[in-house]
Amino acid sequence: MAVLEAVQIEGRRKHRNDRLIAVPVEVVSRKPMLPQIRLDAALKESISSFFVKYNELQGRTFKPLRYARSSEAVRLVRKAHEGWQSGLSA
Protein backbone atom coordinates (compact mmCIF):
# COMPACT_ATOMS: atom_id res chain seq x y z
CA MET A 1 0.00 0.00 0.00
CA ALA A 2 1.15 3.54 -0.72
CA VAL A 3 -0.16 7.08 -0.97
CA LEU A 4 0.01 9.26 -4.05
CA GLU A 5 0.11 12.74 -2.56
CA ALA A 6 -1.37 15.28 -4.96
CA VAL A 7 -2.98 18.68 -5.40
CA GLN A 8 -6.22 19.06 -7.33
CA ILE A 9 -7.25 22.37 -8.90
CA GLU A 10 -10.76 23.18 -10.06
CA GLY A 11 -11.28 26.76 -11.11
CA ARG A 12 -9.79 28.88 -8.32
CA ARG A 13 -10.15 26.13 -5.74
CA LYS A 14 -6.96 24.25 -4.91
CA HIS A 15 -6.81 21.43 -2.35
CA ARG A 16 -4.96 18.25 -1.44
CA ASN A 17 -6.53 15.16 -2.92
CA ASP A 18 -4.30 12.23 -2.02
CA ARG A 19 -4.97 8.74 -3.38
CA LEU A 20 -4.48 5.48 -1.54
CA ILE A 21 -2.90 2.77 -3.67
CA ALA A 22 -3.64 -0.73 -2.37
CA VAL A 23 -3.10 -4.33 -3.41
CA PRO A 24 -6.11 -6.67 -3.20
CA VAL A 25 -5.95 -9.43 -0.59
CA GLU A 26 -7.73 -12.75 -0.28
CA VAL A 27 -10.66 -12.54 2.14
CA VAL A 28 -9.86 -15.68 4.15
CA SER A 29 -6.06 -15.69 4.31
CA ARG A 30 -5.53 -11.90 4.13
CA LYS A 31 -2.52 -12.63 1.90
CA PRO A 32 -1.92 -10.58 -1.26
CA MET A 33 -3.60 -12.07 -4.30
CA LEU A 34 -1.34 -13.77 -6.79
CA PRO A 35 0.38 -12.79 -8.91
CA GLN A 36 1.71 -10.14 -6.59
CA ILE A 37 1.91 -6.65 -8.03
CA ARG A 38 5.12 -4.66 -7.64
CA LEU A 39 4.62 -0.93 -7.22
CA ASP A 40 7.68 -0.06 -9.29
CA ALA A 41 8.50 3.20 -11.05
CA ALA A 42 6.65 2.24 -14.26
CA LEU A 43 3.45 1.34 -12.41
CA LYS A 44 3.65 4.51 -10.30
CA GLU A 45 3.99 6.57 -13.48
CA SER A 46 0.99 4.80 -15.03
CA ILE A 47 -1.14 5.43 -11.94
CA SER A 48 -0.13 9.10 -11.82
CA SER A 49 -0.85 9.51 -15.53
CA PHE A 50 -4.28 7.92 -15.10
CA PHE A 51 -5.30 10.41 -12.40
CA VAL A 52 -3.89 13.36 -14.39
CA LYS A 53 -5.84 12.37 -17.51
CA TYR A 54 -9.03 11.45 -15.61
CA ASN A 55 -9.12 14.85 -13.90
CA GLU A 56 -8.27 16.63 -17.15
CA LEU A 57 -11.35 15.03 -18.75
CA GLN A 58 -13.42 16.33 -15.79
CA GLY A 59 -12.11 19.89 -16.27
CA ARG A 60 -9.74 19.75 -13.30
CA THR A 61 -5.97 19.79 -12.89
CA PHE A 62 -4.34 17.00 -10.87
CA LYS A 63 -0.71 17.50 -9.87
CA PRO A 64 1.03 14.47 -8.36
CA LEU A 65 3.53 15.50 -5.68
CA ARG A 66 5.13 12.24 -4.53
CA TYR A 67 4.48 8.70 -3.40
CA ALA A 68 4.58 8.28 0.38
CA ARG A 69 5.52 5.05 2.14
CA SER A 70 3.08 2.36 3.12
CA SER A 71 3.32 3.45 6.77
CA GLU A 72 1.77 6.80 5.76
CA ALA A 73 -1.02 4.99 3.93
CA VAL A 74 -1.76 2.90 7.03
CA ARG A 75 -1.74 6.05 9.19
CA LEU A 76 -4.26 7.75 6.90
CA VAL A 77 -6.55 4.71 6.83
CA ARG A 78 -6.48 4.46 10.64
CA LYS A 79 -7.18 8.19 10.98
CA ALA A 80 -10.15 7.94 8.61
CA HIS A 81 -11.47 4.89 10.45
CA GLU A 82 -11.24 6.66 13.81
CA GLY A 83 -13.11 9.64 12.36
CA TRP A 84 -15.79 7.35 10.98
CA GLN A 85 -16.15 5.55 14.32
CA SER A 86 -16.44 8.81 16.24
CA GLY A 87 -19.13 9.94 13.79
CA LEU A 88 -21.13 6.81 14.55
CA SER A 89 -21.09 7.44 18.29
CA ALA A 90 -22.08 11.11 17.97
C-alpha atoms as a PDB file:
ATOM      1  CA  MET A   1       0.000   0.000   0.000  1.00  0.00           C
ATOM      2  CA  ALA A   2       1.152   3.542  -0.720  1.00  0.00           C
ATOM      3  CA  VAL A   3      -0.163   7.081  -0.966  1.00  0.00           C
ATOM      4  CA  LEU A   4       0.005   9.255  -4.049  1.00  0.00           C
ATOM      5  CA  GLU A   5       0.109  12.741  -2.564  1.00  0.00           C
ATOM      6  CA  ALA A   6      -1.373  15.279  -4.955  1.00  0.00           C
ATOM      7  CA  VAL A   7      -2.980  18.678  -5.401  1.00  0.00           C
ATOM      8  CA  GLN A   8      -6.220  19.063  -7.330  1.00  0.00           C
ATOM      9  CA  ILE A   9      -7.250  22.367  -8.901  1.00  0.00           C
ATOM     10  CA  GLU A  10     -10.755  23.179 -10.062  1.00  0.00           C
ATOM     11  CA  GLY A  11     -11.285  26.759 -11.107  1.00  0.00           C
ATOM     12  CA  ARG A  12      -9.792  28.877  -8.325  1.00  0.00           C
ATOM     13  CA  ARG A  13     -10.154  26.131  -5.739  1.00  0.00           C
ATOM     14  CA  LYS A  14      -6.959  24.246  -4.905  1.00  0.00           C
ATOM     15  CA  HIS A  15      -6.808  21.433  -2.345  1.00  0.00           C
ATOM     16  CA  ARG A  16      -4.960  18.254  -1.436  1.00  0.00           C
ATOM     17  CA  ASN A  17      -6.533  15.159  -2.917  1.00  0.00           C
ATOM     18  CA  ASP A  18      -4.299  12.234  -2.019  1.00  0.00           C
ATOM     19  CA  ARG A  19      -4.969   8.739  -3.375  1.00  0.00           C
ATOM     20  CA  LEU A  20      -4.484   5.477  -1.541  1.00  0.00           C
ATOM     21  CA  ILE A  21      -2.904   2.768  -3.673  1.00  0.00           C
ATOM     22  CA  ALA A  22      -3.641  -0.730  -2.369  1.00  0.00           C
ATOM     23  CA  VAL A  23      -3.104  -4.329  -3.413  1.00  0.00           C
ATOM     24  CA  PRO A  24      -6.109  -6.670  -3.200  1.00  0.00           C
ATOM     25  CA  VAL A  25      -5.951  -9.425  -0.594  1.00  0.00           C
ATOM     26  CA  GLU A  26      -7.735 -12.748  -0.275  1.00  0.00           C
ATOM     27  CA  VAL A  27     -10.659 -12.541   2.137  1.00  0.00           C
ATOM     28  CA  VAL A  28      -9.863 -15.678   4.154  1.00  0.00           C
ATOM     29  CA  SER A  29      -6.056 -15.692   4.315  1.00  0.00           C
ATOM     30  CA  ARG A  30      -5.526 -11.895   4.131  1.00  0.00           C
ATOM     31  CA  LYS A  31      -2.516 -12.627   1.896  1.00  0.00           C
ATOM     32  CA  PRO A  32      -1.924 -10.582  -1.264  1.00  0.00           C
ATOM     33  CA  MET A  33      -3.604 -12.070  -4.297  1.00  0.00           C
ATOM     34  CA  LEU A  34      -1.339 -13.772  -6.786  1.00  0.00           C
ATOM     35  CA  PRO A  35       0.381 -12.794  -8.913  1.00  0.00           C
ATOM     36  CA  GLN A  36       1.708 -10.137  -6.591  1.00  0.00           C
ATOM     37  CA  ILE A  37       1.911  -6.653  -8.029  1.00  0.00           C
ATOM     38  CA  ARG A  38       5.124  -4.658  -7.638  1.00  0.00           C
ATOM     39  CA  LEU A  39       4.620  -0.935  -7.224  1.00  0.00           C
ATOM     40  CA  ASP A  40       7.677  -0.060  -9.293  1.00  0.00           C
ATOM     41  CA  ALA A  41       8.501   3.203 -11.053  1.00  0.00           C
ATOM     42  CA  ALA A  42       6.654   2.240 -14.257  1.00  0.00           C
ATOM     43  CA  LEU A  43       3.450   1.341 -12.410  1.00  0.00           C
ATOM     44  CA  LYS A  44       3.655   4.512 -10.304  1.00  0.00           C
ATOM     45  CA  GLU A  45       3.988   6.572 -13.484  1.00  0.00           C
ATOM     46  CA  SER A  46       0.994   4.804 -15.033  1.00  0.00           C
ATOM     47  CA  ILE A  47      -1.137   5.433 -11.941  1.00  0.00           C
ATOM     48  CA  SER A  48      -0.133   9.103 -11.817  1.00  0.00           C
ATOM     49  CA  SER A  49      -0.853   9.509 -15.530  1.00  0.00           C
ATOM     50  CA  PHE A  50      -4.279   7.918 -15.101  1.00  0.00           C
ATOM     51  CA  PHE A  51      -5.305  10.415 -12.402  1.00  0.00           C
ATOM     52  CA  VAL A  52      -3.892  13.360 -14.385  1.00  0.00           C
ATOM     53  CA  LYS A  53      -5.839  12.374 -17.508  1.00  0.00           C
ATOM     54  CA  TYR A  54      -9.026  11.452 -15.608  1.00  0.00           C
ATOM     55  CA  ASN A  55      -9.116  14.851 -13.905  1.00  0.00           C
ATOM     56  CA  GLU A  56      -8.274  16.628 -17.149  1.00  0.00           C
ATOM     57  CA  LEU A  57     -11.352  15.035 -18.745  1.00  0.00           C
ATOM     58  CA  GLN A  58     -13.418  16.327 -15.792  1.00  0.00           C
ATOM     59  CA  GLY A  59     -12.114  19.891 -16.266  1.00  0.00           C
ATOM     60  CA  ARG A  60      -9.742  19.752 -13.302  1.00  0.00           C
ATOM     61  CA  THR A  61      -5.971  19.790 -12.888  1.00  0.00           C
ATOM     62  CA  PHE A  62      -4.342  17.001 -10.874  1.00  0.00           C
ATOM     63  CA  LYS A  63      -0.712  17.505  -9.866  1.00  0.00           C
ATOM     64  CA  PRO A  64       1.031  14.468  -8.365  1.00  0.00           C
ATOM     65  CA  LEU A  65       3.532  15.502  -5.680  1.00  0.00           C
ATOM     66  CA  ARG A  66       5.130  12.244  -4.531  1.00  0.00           C
ATOM     67  CA  TYR A  67       4.478   8.702  -3.401  1.00  0.00           C
ATOM     68  CA  ALA A  68       4.585   8.279   0.376  1.00  0.00           C
ATOM     69  CA  ARG A  69       5.517   5.045   2.137  1.00  0.00           C
ATOM     70  CA  SER A  70       3.082   2.356   3.123  1.00  0.00           C
ATOM     71  CA  SER A  71       3.322   3.453   6.769  1.00  0.00           C
ATOM     72  CA  GLU A  72       1.772   6.802   5.759  1.00  0.00           C
ATOM     73  CA  ALA A  73      -1.022   4.989   3.932  1.00  0.00           C
ATOM     74  CA  VAL A  74      -1.762   2.905   7.027  1.00  0.00           C
ATOM     75  CA  ARG A  75      -1.738   6.047   9.194  1.00  0.00           C
ATOM     76  CA  LEU A  76      -4.262   7.751   6.897  1.00  0.00           C
ATOM     77  CA  VAL A  77      -6.554   4.714   6.834  1.00  0.00           C
ATOM     78  CA  ARG A  78      -6.484   4.463  10.639  1.00  0.00           C
ATOM     79  CA  LYS A  79      -7.178   8.189  10.984  1.00  0.00           C
ATOM     80  CA  ALA A  80     -10.147   7.939   8.607  1.00  0.00           C
ATOM     81  CA  HIS A  81     -11.473   4.886  10.446  1.00  0.00           C
ATOM     82  CA  GLU A  82     -11.237   6.657  13.805  1.00  0.00           C
ATOM     83  CA  GLY A  83     -13.105   9.639  12.361  1.00  0.00           C
ATOM     84  CA  TRP A  84     -15.787   7.348  10.977  1.00  0.00           C
ATOM     85  CA  GLN A  85     -16.152   5.554  14.316  1.00  0.00           C
ATOM     86  CA  SER A  86     -16.436   8.815  16.239  1.00  0.00           C
ATOM     87  CA  GLY A  87     -19.132   9.944  13.785  1.00  0.00           C
ATOM     88  CA  LEU A  88     -21.132   6.806  14.548  1.00  0.00           C
ATOM     89  CA  SER A  89     -21.092   7.441  18.287  1.00  0.00           C
ATOM     90  CA  ALA A  90     -22.084  11.111  17.970  1.00  0.00           C
END
